C-alpha cells in the first residue's frame, strides 16, 4: 500500500441510534488524526484501530481528535 491508497470511509451508519464506524486505510504509519464532520454533534469516540494503537481520543462538537503520546 502506498500514499495513493490512503482513504477514509463511513460505514454502518445508523441514524436512529446516532452511530457510525469510520474506516481508514494508510500506506504510512499514523501518529494522529483530526476529523470534522460538518453538522454532526459527536459525543464519544472509541474502539477500532485507534484503541488498538493506544490513541487518546477526544471529541468536541463536530470534531474527533486522536493521537499517540
C-alpha atoms as a PDB file:
ATOM      1  CA  UNK A   1       0.000   0.000   0.000  1.00  0.00           C
ATOM      2  CA  UNK A   2       1.274   3.494  -0.787  1.00  0.00           C
ATOM      3  CA  UNK A   3       0.056   7.001  -0.093  1.00  0.00           C
ATOM      4  CA  UNK A   4      -2.189   6.909  -3.139  1.00  0.00           C
ATOM      5  CA  UNK A   5      -4.122   4.069  -1.467  1.00  0.00           C
ATOM      6  CA  UNK A   6      -4.975   6.134   1.632  1.00  0.00           C
ATOM      7  CA  UNK A   7      -8.618   6.870   2.298  1.00  0.00           C
ATOM      8  CA  UNK A   8     -11.470   7.284   4.760  1.00  0.00           C
ATOM      9  CA  UNK A   9     -14.952   5.769   4.566  1.00  0.00           C
ATOM     10  CA  UNK A  10     -18.099   5.848   6.693  1.00  0.00           C
ATOM     11  CA  UNK A  11     -19.885   2.513   7.244  1.00  0.00           C
ATOM     12  CA  UNK A  12     -22.588   1.052   9.497  1.00  0.00           C
ATOM     13  CA  UNK A  13     -24.323   4.435   9.683  1.00  0.00           C
ATOM     14  CA  UNK A  14     -27.378   4.161  11.964  1.00  0.00           C
ATOM     15  CA  UNK A  15     -29.219   7.481  12.054  1.00  0.00           C
ATOM     16  CA  UNK A  16     -31.759   6.175  14.605  1.00  0.00           C
ATOM     17  CA  UNK A  17     -29.022   5.209  17.092  1.00  0.00           C
ATOM     18  CA  UNK A  18     -26.776   8.137  16.072  1.00  0.00           C
ATOM     19  CA  UNK A  19     -23.771   5.881  15.413  1.00  0.00           C
ATOM     20  CA  UNK A  20     -21.320   5.138  12.605  1.00  0.00           C
ATOM     21  CA  UNK A  21     -17.995   3.439  12.030  1.00  0.00           C
ATOM     22  CA  UNK A  22     -15.198   5.403  10.409  1.00  0.00           C
ATOM     23  CA  UNK A  23     -12.713   3.248   8.498  1.00  0.00           C
ATOM     24  CA  UNK A  24      -9.319   4.329   7.195  1.00  0.00           C
ATOM     25  CA  UNK A  25      -6.503   2.936   5.081  1.00  0.00           C
ATOM     26  CA  UNK A  26      -2.974   4.279   5.091  1.00  0.00           C
ATOM     27  CA  UNK A  27       0.264   3.220   3.491  1.00  0.00           C
ATOM     28  CA  UNK A  28       2.270   5.058   6.146  1.00  0.00           C
ATOM     29  CA  UNK A  29       2.201   4.969   9.965  1.00  0.00           C
ATOM     30  CA  UNK A  30      -0.327   7.318  11.562  1.00  0.00           C
ATOM     31  CA  UNK A  31       0.632   9.175  14.760  1.00  0.00           C
ATOM     32  CA  UNK A  32      -2.621  11.123  14.975  1.00  0.00           C
ATOM     33  CA  UNK A  33      -5.683  12.377  13.181  1.00  0.00           C
ATOM     34  CA  UNK A  34      -8.316  15.094  13.296  1.00  0.00           C
ATOM     35  CA  UNK A  35     -11.673  14.615  11.647  1.00  0.00           C
ATOM     36  CA  UNK A  36     -14.509  17.121  11.419  1.00  0.00           C
ATOM     37  CA  UNK A  37     -17.990  16.021  10.357  1.00  0.00           C
ATOM     38  CA  UNK A  38     -19.964  19.120   9.436  1.00  0.00           C
ATOM     39  CA  UNK A  39     -23.426  19.161  11.008  1.00  0.00           C
ATOM     40  CA  UNK A  40     -22.667  16.361  13.468  1.00  0.00           C
ATOM     41  CA  UNK A  41     -22.742  16.514  17.259  1.00  0.00           C
ATOM     42  CA  UNK A  42     -20.118  13.932  18.212  1.00  0.00           C
ATOM     43  CA  UNK A  43     -20.493  12.857  21.836  1.00  0.00           C
ATOM     44  CA  UNK A  44     -17.973   9.996  22.005  1.00  0.00           C
ATOM     45  CA  UNK A  45     -15.311   8.110  20.079  1.00  0.00           C
ATOM     46  CA  UNK A  46     -13.905   4.691  20.940  1.00  0.00           C
ATOM     47  CA  UNK A  47     -12.607   1.357  19.727  1.00  0.00           C
ATOM     48  CA  UNK A  48     -11.181   0.152  16.472  1.00  0.00           C
ATOM     49  CA  UNK A  49      -7.642   0.703  15.286  1.00  0.00           C
ATOM     50  CA  UNK A  50      -7.319   3.874  17.352  1.00  0.00           C
ATOM     51  CA  UNK A  51      -7.933   1.895  20.547  1.00  0.00           C
ATOM     52  CA  UNK A  52      -5.671  -0.929  19.355  1.00  0.00           C
ATOM     53  CA  UNK A  53      -2.869   1.611  18.818  1.00  0.00           C
ATOM     54  CA  UNK A  54      -3.417   3.148  22.268  1.00  0.00           C
ATOM     55  CA  UNK A  55      -4.512   6.505  20.873  1.00  0.00           C
ATOM     56  CA  UNK A  56      -6.052   9.100  23.149  1.00  0.00           C
ATOM     57  CA  UNK A  57      -9.420  10.051  21.660  1.00  0.00           C
ATOM     58  CA  UNK A  58     -11.403  13.186  22.337  1.00  0.00           C
ATOM     59  CA  UNK A  59     -14.457  14.836  20.831  1.00  0.00           C
ATOM     60  CA  UNK A  60     -15.760  18.379  20.765  1.00  0.00           C
ATOM     61  CA  UNK A  61     -18.878  19.238  18.788  1.00  0.00           C
ATOM     62  CA  UNK A  62     -18.265  18.082  15.237  1.00  0.00           C
ATOM     63  CA  UNK A  63     -14.585  17.140  15.724  1.00  0.00           C
ATOM     64  CA  UNK A  64     -12.792  13.924  16.686  1.00  0.00           C
ATOM     65  CA  UNK A  65      -9.123  14.106  17.631  1.00  0.00           C
ATOM     66  CA  UNK A  66      -6.930  11.039  18.061  1.00  0.00           C
ATOM     67  CA  UNK A  67      -3.240  10.961  18.843  1.00  0.00           C
ATOM     68  CA  UNK A  68      -0.488   8.804  20.230  1.00  0.00           C
ATOM     69  CA  UNK A  69       1.741  10.037  23.033  1.00  0.00           C
END
